[in-house]
Protein backbone atom coordinates (compact mmCIF):
# COMPACT_ATOMS: atom_id res chain seq x y z
CA MET A 1 -64.78 114.43 62.23
CA ASP A 2 -62.40 114.45 65.20
CA ILE A 3 -63.00 114.76 68.92
CA LEU A 4 -60.60 117.26 70.45
CA GLY A 5 -60.05 116.99 74.18
CA ARG A 6 -58.56 119.68 76.40
CA GLU A 7 -55.49 117.47 76.89
CA ARG A 8 -54.60 117.98 73.20
CA LEU A 9 -54.78 121.77 73.37
CA ALA A 10 -51.05 122.25 73.99
CA ALA A 11 -50.14 120.08 70.99
CA LEU A 12 -52.64 121.97 68.84
CA GLY A 13 -51.14 125.29 69.90
CA ARG A 14 -47.61 124.07 69.23
CA GLY A 15 -48.65 122.95 65.76
CA PHE A 16 -50.20 126.32 64.98
CA GLU A 17 -47.01 128.05 66.12
CA LEU A 18 -45.06 125.92 63.63
CA LEU A 19 -47.51 126.90 60.88
CA GLY A 20 -46.92 130.54 61.79
CA SER A 21 -43.61 130.54 59.88
CA GLY A 22 -42.14 132.95 62.42
CA GLY A 23 -45.35 135.01 62.64
CA GLY A 24 -48.91 134.76 63.87
CA GLY A 25 -48.09 135.28 67.53
CA GLY A 26 -47.60 132.78 70.33
CA THR A 27 -50.59 130.70 71.38
CA THR A 28 -50.22 130.77 75.17
CA MET A 29 -52.75 133.56 75.73
CA MET A 30 -55.37 131.90 73.54
CA GLU A 31 -54.73 128.50 75.12
CA LEU A 32 -55.47 130.03 78.52
CA MET A 33 -58.59 131.79 77.23
CA VAL A 34 -60.16 128.67 75.75
CA ALA A 35 -58.95 126.09 78.29
CA ASP A 36 -61.82 126.84 80.68
CA ALA A 37 -64.47 127.29 77.99
CA PRO A 38 -67.49 124.97 78.39
CA VAL A 39 -66.93 123.36 74.98
CA TRP A 40 -64.73 120.39 75.87
CA PRO A 41 -64.49 117.86 74.40
CA LEU A 42 -64.89 119.63 71.07
CA THR A 43 -65.96 118.17 67.76
CA VAL A 44 -63.88 119.32 64.79
CA HIS A 45 -65.89 118.77 61.62
CA ALA A 46 -64.49 118.16 58.16
CA ALA A 47 -66.15 120.46 55.65
CA THR A 48 -67.71 117.40 54.01
CA ASP A 49 -69.43 116.43 57.30
CA LEU A 50 -71.84 119.38 57.23
CA ASP A 51 -74.60 120.52 54.90
CA PRO A 52 -72.84 122.60 52.21
CA GLY A 53 -75.49 125.30 52.57
CA THR A 54 -74.60 125.92 56.23
CA PRO A 55 -73.79 129.64 56.77
CA CYS A 56 -70.29 130.02 58.18
CA VAL A 57 -68.08 132.74 59.65
CA ALA A 58 -64.32 132.96 60.19
CA ALA A 59 -62.79 134.62 63.25
CA ALA A 60 -59.38 136.14 63.90
CA PHE A 61 -57.49 138.94 65.60
CA ALA A 62 -55.63 141.45 63.46
CA GLY A 63 -52.90 143.93 64.30
CA SER A 64 -50.19 143.58 66.91
CA THR A 65 -50.16 140.32 68.82
CA TYR A 66 -48.10 142.04 71.50
CA LEU A 67 -50.88 144.56 72.11
CA LEU A 68 -53.33 141.69 72.47
CA ALA A 69 -51.17 140.26 75.24
CA GLU A 70 -51.23 143.65 77.01
CA ARG A 71 -54.96 144.16 76.49
CA ILE A 72 -56.38 140.66 76.74
CA PRO A 73 -59.67 140.55 74.83
CA ALA A 74 -62.91 139.42 76.45
CA ALA A 75 -64.14 135.92 75.66
CA ASP A 76 -67.27 137.41 74.04
CA VAL A 77 -65.35 139.94 71.91
CA PHE A 78 -66.77 138.47 68.69
CA ASP A 79 -70.43 138.70 69.71
CA PRO A 80 -71.00 142.25 68.33
CA LEU A 81 -69.26 141.27 65.08
CA VAL A 82 -71.41 138.16 64.64
CA GLU A 83 -74.55 140.21 65.28
CA ALA A 84 -73.52 142.83 62.72
CA ALA A 85 -72.69 140.17 60.14
CA GLU A 86 -76.05 138.48 60.64
CA ARG A 87 -77.90 141.78 60.27
CA TRP A 88 -75.98 142.55 57.06
CA THR A 89 -76.33 139.11 55.45
CA GLY A 90 -79.78 138.31 56.81
CA VAL A 91 -78.77 134.80 57.90
CA GLY A 92 -77.57 133.35 61.18
CA ALA A 93 -74.21 131.61 61.15
CA ALA A 94 -74.21 127.99 62.30
CA ALA A 95 -70.52 127.17 61.73
CA VAL A 96 -67.14 128.78 62.31
CA CYS A 97 -63.69 128.22 60.84
CA ALA A 98 -60.29 129.84 61.25
CA LEU A 99 -59.44 132.88 59.17
CA GLU A 100 -55.70 132.23 59.55
CA GLY A 101 -54.68 128.68 60.37
CA ALA A 102 -51.54 129.64 62.26
CA GLY A 103 -50.34 131.20 65.48
CA LEU A 104 -52.91 132.38 67.98
CA ASN A 105 -55.53 132.72 65.24
CA GLY A 106 -55.52 128.97 64.76
CA LEU A 107 -57.16 128.75 68.19
CA THR A 108 -59.32 131.88 67.95
CA PRO A 109 -62.41 130.10 66.48
CA LEU A 110 -62.64 128.07 69.68
CA LEU A 111 -64.06 131.23 71.30
CA LEU A 112 -67.14 130.75 69.09
CA ALA A 113 -67.29 126.95 69.17
CA GLY A 114 -69.89 126.84 71.93
CA ALA A 115 -72.58 128.18 69.58
CA HIS A 116 -71.15 127.19 66.19
CA ALA A 117 -69.92 123.96 64.63
CA LEU A 118 -66.13 124.14 64.25
CA VAL A 119 -65.00 123.36 60.69
CA ASP A 120 -61.47 122.17 59.92
CA ALA A 121 -60.66 124.85 57.33
CA ASP A 122 -59.08 128.27 57.05
CA PHE A 123 -58.21 130.87 54.42
CA MET A 124 -54.39 130.80 54.57
CA GLY A 125 -53.04 127.44 55.78
CA ARG A 126 -50.12 129.31 57.37
CA ALA A 127 -49.51 132.84 58.68
CA LEU A 128 -49.85 135.66 56.16
CA PRO A 129 -49.93 139.36 57.01
CA ARG A 130 -52.67 140.81 54.78
CA LEU A 131 -56.41 140.30 54.45
CA ASP A 132 -56.21 140.57 50.66
CA GLN A 133 -54.36 137.23 50.86
CA LEU A 134 -57.45 135.40 52.14
CA SER A 135 -58.28 132.49 49.84
CA LEU A 136 -61.92 133.59 49.53
CA LEU A 137 -60.80 136.99 48.25
CA VAL A 138 -58.06 135.57 46.03
CA ASP A 139 -60.73 133.43 44.37
CA ALA A 140 -63.19 136.37 44.27
CA VAL A 141 -66.02 134.53 46.01
CA PRO A 142 -69.05 136.85 45.75
CA GLY A 143 -70.94 138.13 48.78
CA VAL A 144 -68.06 137.94 51.26
CA ILE A 145 -67.96 140.69 53.89
CA ALA A 146 -65.55 141.60 56.68
CA VAL A 147 -66.62 142.98 60.05
CA CYS A 148 -64.08 144.49 62.41
CA ASP A 149 -63.71 146.22 65.74
CA THR A 150 -63.19 149.99 65.64
CA GLY A 151 -62.67 150.53 69.35
CA ARG A 152 -66.10 152.17 69.74
CA GLY A 153 -68.21 149.83 67.63
CA VAL A 154 -67.89 147.77 64.48
CA ALA A 155 -67.37 148.45 60.78
CA VAL A 156 -68.69 146.36 57.89
CA VAL A 157 -66.66 146.20 54.68
CA ASP A 158 -68.52 144.91 51.62
CA SER A 159 -66.28 145.22 48.59
CA GLN A 160 -65.27 143.02 45.66
CA ARG A 161 -61.77 144.51 45.70
CA PRO A 162 -59.47 142.65 48.10
CA ALA A 163 -57.30 145.76 48.45
CA ASP A 164 -60.32 147.62 49.86
CA VAL A 165 -60.85 144.96 52.51
CA GLU A 166 -57.21 145.13 53.58
CA ALA A 167 -57.03 148.93 53.64
CA LEU A 168 -60.36 149.60 55.36
CA VAL A 169 -60.08 146.87 57.97
CA ARG A 170 -56.48 147.86 58.69
CA SER A 171 -57.56 151.49 59.23
CA SER A 172 -60.29 150.36 61.62
CA ILE A 173 -57.83 148.25 63.60
CA VAL A 174 -55.55 151.27 63.91
CA GLN A 175 -58.51 153.26 65.26
CA ALA A 176 -59.17 150.42 67.71
CA GLY A 177 -55.70 150.92 69.17
CA GLY A 178 -53.58 148.65 67.00
CA ALA A 179 -55.25 145.29 67.58
CA GLY A 180 -58.80 144.01 67.35
CA ALA A 181 -61.23 141.33 66.29
CA VAL A 182 -62.09 140.58 62.66
CA LEU A 183 -64.89 138.39 61.33
CA VAL A 184 -65.43 137.26 57.74
CA ALA A 185 -68.96 136.22 56.73
CA GLY A 186 -71.18 135.84 53.68
CA PHE A 187 -70.02 132.34 52.71
CA THR A 188 -71.13 128.76 53.34
CA VAL A 189 -69.46 125.53 54.33
CA GLY A 190 -69.81 124.48 50.70
CA ASP A 191 -67.66 127.43 49.63
CA LEU A 192 -64.86 126.07 51.81
CA LEU A 193 -64.55 122.91 49.73
CA GLU A 194 -63.08 124.82 46.79
CA HIS A 195 -62.02 128.16 48.20
CA ALA A 196 -60.29 127.34 51.51
CA VAL A 197 -57.38 125.35 52.89
CA LEU A 198 -58.84 122.16 54.35
CA GLY A 199 -57.46 120.07 57.20
CA THR A 200 -55.31 122.68 58.93
CA TYR A 201 -56.48 121.61 62.41
CA SER A 202 -55.55 118.03 61.63
CA ARG A 203 -52.18 119.16 60.34
CA ALA A 204 -51.53 121.33 63.40
CA LEU A 205 -52.32 118.45 65.76
CA ALA A 206 -49.99 116.13 63.87
CA LEU A 207 -47.19 118.72 63.84
CA GLY A 208 -47.65 119.54 67.51
CA GLY A 209 -47.46 115.87 68.45
CA ALA A 210 -44.37 115.29 66.34
CA ALA A 211 -42.62 118.27 67.94
CA GLU A 212 -43.10 116.98 71.49
CA ASP A 213 -39.89 114.95 71.45
CA ASP A 214 -37.22 117.60 71.97
CA ALA A 215 -34.50 114.94 72.21
CA LEU A 216 -34.63 114.13 68.50
CA PRO A 217 -31.64 115.18 66.40
CA LEU A 218 -32.51 118.17 64.23
CA ASP A 219 -32.63 116.23 60.97
CA ALA A 220 -34.84 113.57 62.57
CA LEU A 221 -37.12 116.26 63.99
CA ALA A 222 -37.46 117.87 60.56
CA ALA A 223 -38.35 114.50 59.08
CA ALA A 224 -40.89 113.82 61.84
CA LEU A 225 -42.54 117.13 60.95
CA GLY A 226 -42.71 116.12 57.31
CA GLY A 227 -40.19 118.80 56.38
CA ARG A 228 -36.50 119.24 55.70
CA LEU A 229 -33.67 120.75 57.68
CA LEU A 230 -32.36 123.79 55.81
CA GLY A 231 -29.46 124.54 58.09
CA ALA A 232 -28.35 125.53 61.56
CA GLY A 233 -25.95 128.15 62.80
CA ARG A 234 -25.20 131.18 64.96
CA VAL A 235 -26.80 134.53 64.16
CA THR A 236 -24.01 136.96 63.28
CA ALA A 237 -25.87 139.96 61.85
CA ILE A 238 -29.38 141.35 61.42
CA ASP A 239 -29.71 144.10 58.83
CA PRO A 240 -32.55 145.81 56.95
CA ALA A 241 -33.19 144.16 53.61
CA PRO A 242 -32.08 146.33 50.68
CA GLY A 243 -34.90 148.62 49.56
CA ASP A 244 -37.39 147.53 52.24
CA PRO A 245 -37.18 149.01 55.75
CA PHE A 246 -39.84 146.57 56.97
CA ALA A 247 -37.86 143.49 55.95
CA SER A 248 -34.74 142.12 57.57
CA ALA A 249 -31.90 139.86 56.49
CA VAL A 250 -30.64 137.58 59.25
CA GLU A 251 -27.15 136.24 58.61
CA LEU A 252 -25.99 132.99 60.20
CA ALA A 253 -22.62 131.30 60.29
CA GLY A 254 -23.66 127.77 59.39
CA ASP A 255 -22.43 124.87 61.47
CA ASP A 256 -21.33 123.25 58.21
CA GLY A 257 -19.39 126.32 57.10
CA ALA A 258 -22.10 127.67 54.79
CA VAL A 259 -23.23 131.29 54.79
CA LEU A 260 -26.94 131.24 55.64
CA ARG A 261 -29.50 134.02 55.40
CA ILE A 262 -33.14 134.26 56.51
CA VAL A 263 -35.23 136.99 54.88
CA ALA A 264 -38.17 138.04 57.03
CA ARG A 265 -40.92 140.54 57.44
CA SER A 266 -43.55 139.65 60.05
CA GLU A 267 -43.04 136.05 58.84
CA LEU A 268 -39.99 134.17 57.55
CA LEU A 269 -40.22 134.43 53.76
CA ALA A 270 -37.05 132.94 52.31
CA PHE A 271 -33.91 131.01 53.21
CA VAL A 272 -30.69 131.46 51.27
CA ARG A 273 -27.65 129.16 51.40
CA ASP A 274 -24.38 130.45 49.91
CA GLY A 275 -26.29 132.91 47.75
CA GLU A 276 -28.90 130.46 46.45
CA THR A 277 -32.54 130.56 47.58
CA VAL A 278 -33.44 127.05 48.73
CA ALA A 279 -36.82 127.73 50.36
CA ALA A 280 -39.38 130.51 50.00
CA SER A 281 -43.00 131.31 50.77
CA PRO A 282 -45.53 129.72 50.49
CA GLU A 283 -43.28 127.04 52.00
CA ILE A 284 -43.48 127.34 55.77
CA ILE A 285 -40.06 128.32 57.10
CA VAL A 286 -39.64 127.67 60.83
CA ALA A 287 -36.83 128.80 63.11
CA LEU A 288 -36.09 126.83 66.28
CA ASP A 289 -33.72 127.56 69.12
CA THR A 290 -31.34 124.61 68.83
CA ILE A 291 -30.94 124.29 72.60
CA SER A 292 -34.45 124.85 73.97
CA ARG A 293 -36.26 123.85 70.74
CA ASP A 294 -38.51 126.88 71.24
CA ILE A 295 -40.42 127.88 68.11
CA LEU A 296 -39.19 131.38 67.38
CA GLN A 297 -41.15 134.38 66.19
CA ALA A 298 -39.27 136.44 63.61
CA ASP A 299 -38.27 139.11 66.12
CA ALA A 300 -36.94 136.49 68.55
CA ILE A 301 -34.14 135.55 66.15
CA THR A 302 -31.52 137.68 67.85
CA LEU A 303 -27.76 138.15 67.65
CA ALA A 304 -25.61 135.24 68.89
CA ARG A 305 -28.62 132.94 69.15
CA HIS A 306 -28.06 129.47 67.75
CA VAL A 307 -30.91 128.68 65.38
CA ALA A 308 -32.04 125.72 63.28
CA VAL A 309 -34.25 126.37 60.26
CA VAL A 310 -36.76 123.85 58.93
CA ALA A 311 -38.98 124.07 55.84
CA LEU A 312 -42.46 122.52 55.97
CA PRO A 313 -44.46 121.89 52.79
CA ALA A 314 -46.62 124.74 51.55
CA PRO A 315 -50.41 124.38 51.80
CA GLY A 316 -51.43 122.64 48.61
CA TRP A 317 -54.29 125.07 47.93
CA TRP A 318 -51.85 127.83 46.97
CA LEU A 319 -49.80 125.57 44.69
CA ALA A 320 -52.80 124.28 42.76
CA ASP A 321 -53.04 127.38 40.55
CA PRO A 322 -50.37 129.88 39.43
CA ALA A 323 -52.97 132.64 39.80
CA ARG A 324 -53.13 131.82 43.50
CA VAL A 325 -49.48 131.24 44.32
CA ARG A 326 -48.39 134.63 42.99
CA HIS A 327 -50.18 136.19 45.97
CA VAL A 328 -47.85 134.51 48.48
CA THR A 329 -44.38 134.30 46.90
CA PRO A 330 -41.67 136.70 48.14
CA SER A 331 -42.36 139.05 45.22
CA ALA A 332 -45.90 139.51 46.56
CA PHE A 333 -44.24 141.10 49.59
CA GLY A 334 -42.08 143.36 47.42
CA LEU A 335 -39.00 141.14 47.77
CA ALA A 336 -37.62 140.48 44.30
CA GLY A 337 -35.17 137.74 43.32
CA LEU A 338 -36.01 135.32 46.12
CA GLU A 339 -38.07 132.71 44.29
CA VAL A 340 -36.70 129.17 44.33
CA GLN A 341 -35.27 128.23 40.96
CA ALA A 342 -36.57 124.92 39.59
């Protein structure tokens, strides 16, 4: 159990941006939305603190984070989704966790924290683009449902096939205008102990605090974050990845003379040095502006920008079972030949 005060909100947001691995959206909008909420100070519960039978929900926004910034959602946007989930499952939720422990969605559960106990857990431990990559669905936990905004109401998806959840929710979000709220329900706090990434809030706070000192040398900063400096250099080219129009290859002229390449989709998925992959998802690859130390989204890595790239350890939940990790390696995104060789 941890007491989270409003004064730690900026550090928490910064930590979730680091866990975004170049995706997940900036946290400024969500920080502003929750800063004035009547929930401070906030208790963040470990999953072991609560009765394992406590019904829980997970909240997030899906679709374009840029559209969310243009059409700022209401603070009560999740209320219709919670009501629909409770009608469908027949139980009232007493707890909430993050669906995606990264980017703006790391902070999204705080919108529900006034009426629900906030649990330090999520279903990704980093930013991932697809709902079929949720840990509950990867582990095939029975009874899980997804509820989403359609723009004129809500849709409930109750399917044991993760691909159905991704396809149907994604279609609903398109109908809602490209961005909308998503709620996952039908599970308990006890389910989180085995089928979720635990401690992501604690990790985000630690990362955000470590990143406050922008005077640290890059290698010292990487060490303070518990990661490793992969390289730094000037962006010289950005090209579509071969065979995938939705992926890009960012070439950098390394400060040490190496040829560096970042492979990205909506997140940074691999880092290649002189033709050898040295880091890849589920490791969390972070790009920083070397001058401002801004944490960069994938599309902010632009020509002539000087960038440092850091790798943070992957969430252990994914690495615990080969059947899990195959859902989050570069090949799971259709990018072959980018796994790190042992």
